[in-house]
Protein backbone atom coordinates (compact mmCIF):
# COMPACT_ATOMS: atom_id res chain seq x y z
CA MET A 1 0.00 0.00 0.00
CA PRO A 2 1.50 3.37 -1.01
CA GLU A 3 2.59 5.77 1.74
CA THR A 4 2.11 9.51 1.14
CA LEU A 5 5.42 11.36 1.51
CA ALA A 6 4.19 14.84 0.66
CA ALA A 7 0.95 16.47 -0.41
CA PHE A 8 1.06 19.93 -1.97
CA ARG A 9 -1.68 22.55 -2.28
CA GLY A 10 -1.78 24.81 -5.31
CA THR A 11 1.02 25.23 -7.83
CA VAL A 12 4.10 23.04 -7.40
CA ARG A 13 7.36 23.99 -9.13
CA CYS A 14 9.35 21.14 -10.70
CA GLU A 15 13.06 21.94 -10.96
CA LEU A 16 14.94 19.42 -13.05
CA SER A 17 18.64 18.77 -13.38
CA MET A 18 20.65 15.89 -14.79
CA GLN A 19 20.48 13.73 -11.66
CA THR A 20 17.79 15.28 -9.45
CA GLN A 21 14.21 16.47 -9.51
CA THR A 22 12.89 18.88 -6.88
CA LEU A 23 9.23 19.56 -6.25
CA SER A 24 8.56 22.67 -4.15
CA GLY A 25 5.38 24.39 -3.08
CA MET A 26 2.96 24.88 -0.19
CA SER A 27 2.10 21.93 2.00
CA ALA A 28 -1.50 20.70 2.00
CA ALA A 29 -1.18 19.46 5.59
CA SER A 30 0.05 22.76 7.09
CA PRO A 31 -1.16 25.90 5.28
CA GLY A 32 1.60 28.46 4.68
CA GLU A 33 4.39 25.91 5.15
CA GLU A 34 6.83 25.68 2.24
CA THR A 35 7.81 22.10 1.40
CA ALA A 36 10.52 20.79 -0.93
CA LEU A 37 11.01 17.16 -1.99
CA THR A 38 14.15 16.17 -3.91
CA PHE A 39 14.58 12.86 -5.74
CA SER A 40 18.10 11.57 -6.45
CA ALA A 41 17.13 9.93 -9.69
CA ALA A 42 16.85 10.18 -13.43
CA VAL A 43 13.97 12.49 -14.17
CA PRO A 44 10.93 11.40 -16.18
CA ALA A 45 11.12 13.39 -19.43
CA GLU A 46 7.37 14.00 -19.65
CA CYS A 47 7.09 15.69 -16.21
CA PRO A 48 5.90 19.33 -16.69
CA ALA A 49 7.52 22.43 -15.15
CA THR A 50 4.55 23.02 -12.82
CA LEU A 51 1.93 20.75 -11.29
CA GLU A 52 -1.31 21.47 -9.44
CA ASP A 53 -2.14 19.87 -6.07
CA ALA A 54 0.54 17.19 -6.42
CA VAL A 55 0.82 14.16 -4.14
CA VAL A 56 4.02 12.09 -3.86
CA GLU A 57 3.72 8.48 -2.71
CA HIS A 58 6.31 5.86 -1.77
CA VAL A 59 5.16 2.71 -3.54
CA GLU A 60 7.86 0.25 -2.44
CA GLY A 61 11.65 0.07 -2.22
CA ALA A 62 13.07 2.73 -4.54
CA HIS A 63 9.78 3.26 -6.41
CA TYR A 64 7.78 6.47 -6.00
CA ARG A 65 4.78 7.99 -7.75
CA ILE A 66 3.93 11.65 -8.39
CA ARG A 67 0.22 12.29 -8.92
CA SER A 68 -1.38 15.52 -10.11
CA GLY A 69 -5.02 15.54 -11.15
CA THR A 70 -5.59 12.48 -13.34
CA ARG A 71 -1.94 12.13 -14.40
CA GLU A 72 0.87 10.30 -12.65
CA TRP A 73 4.60 9.82 -13.15
CA PRO A 74 6.63 6.91 -11.77
CA VAL A 75 10.07 7.73 -10.34
CA GLU A 76 12.78 5.32 -9.32
CA ALA A 77 15.10 7.08 -6.86
CA ALA A 78 18.06 5.95 -4.80
CA ALA A 79 17.26 8.62 -2.16
CA VAL A 80 14.54 11.14 -1.40
CA HIS A 81 15.05 14.27 0.73
CA LEU A 82 12.07 16.06 2.28
CA HIS A 83 12.40 19.58 3.70
CA ARG A 84 9.62 21.46 5.46
CA GLU A 85 10.08 25.13 6.36
CA ILE A 86 8.84 25.22 9.96
CA ALA A 87 10.51 28.45 11.12
CA ALA A 88 7.21 30.34 11.46
CA ARG A 89 5.65 27.62 13.66
CA PHE A 90 8.87 27.26 15.66
CA TYR A 91 9.21 30.97 16.47
CA HIS A 92 5.49 31.25 17.17
CA ALA A 93 5.82 28.55 19.86
CA ILE A 94 8.75 30.26 21.61
CA PRO A 95 7.82 33.36 23.63
CA PRO A 96 9.84 36.44 22.70
CA ARG A 97 12.73 37.38 24.98
CA SER A 98 12.06 40.51 27.00
CA ALA A 99 14.44 43.43 26.54
CA PRO A 100 17.04 44.03 29.27
CA TRP A 101 15.97 46.53 31.95
CA SER A 102 18.75 48.98 31.00
CA LYS A 103 17.54 49.15 27.40
CA ARG A 104 13.91 49.61 28.52
CA LEU A 105 14.97 52.40 30.91
CA PHE A 106 17.03 54.12 28.17
CA TRP A 107 14.17 54.17 25.66
CA ARG A 108 11.65 55.24 28.29
CA ALA A 109 13.90 58.25 29.09
CA VAL A 110 14.44 59.10 25.40
CA LEU A 111 10.70 58.95 24.67
CA ALA A 112 9.91 61.06 27.74
CA LEU A 113 12.42 63.69 26.56
CA ALA A 114 11.02 63.59 23.02
CA ALA A 115 7.54 64.36 24.36
CA SER A 116 8.43 68.03 25.05
CA ARG A 117 10.12 70.84 23.10
CA THR A 118 12.75 71.28 25.79
CA GLY A 119 13.51 67.57 25.77
CA LEU A 120 13.83 67.55 21.95
CA ALA A 121 16.28 70.45 22.13
CA ALA A 122 18.32 68.58 24.77
CA LEU A 123 18.39 65.45 22.57
CA LYS A 124 19.60 67.50 19.58
CA VAL A 125 22.43 68.99 21.63
CA LEU A 126 23.39 65.57 22.95
CA ARG A 127 23.31 64.14 19.43
CA ARG A 128 25.65 66.85 18.12
CA LYS A 129 28.10 66.26 21.01
CA VAL A 130 28.15 62.52 20.39
CA HIS A 131 28.57 63.04 16.64
CA ARG A 132 31.54 65.37 17.18
CA ALA A 133 33.15 62.97 19.64
CA LEU A 134 32.92 60.12 17.14
CA THR A 135 34.34 62.06 14.17
């Protein structure tokens, strides 16, 4: 019984080279997740440059099948590499690090000074002094 390796939603790009074929597009399982599947194999000549809603199945051993709509392409590959871009889910799960207290205090003081004309004038003077000291 075939095992589904990857299911794509929408347009899938097929990048072909002499010894590999890479399918890349959005995952059907996780919306917004970019997925790339690379076959280390001779590429079927009749495979188009783009597919719609493609599904890749592992049939048995080194035999795989790419299905899109009513068409399918058999692939015999020595190795298959699957990459899913999970950075967005990963960083969403980790709470952001809070800023150090010294940085929060600095920006609170700068914003308080910027709220008045006198404070803005003081910041301009300070900026000029720092600029001169650095040049």
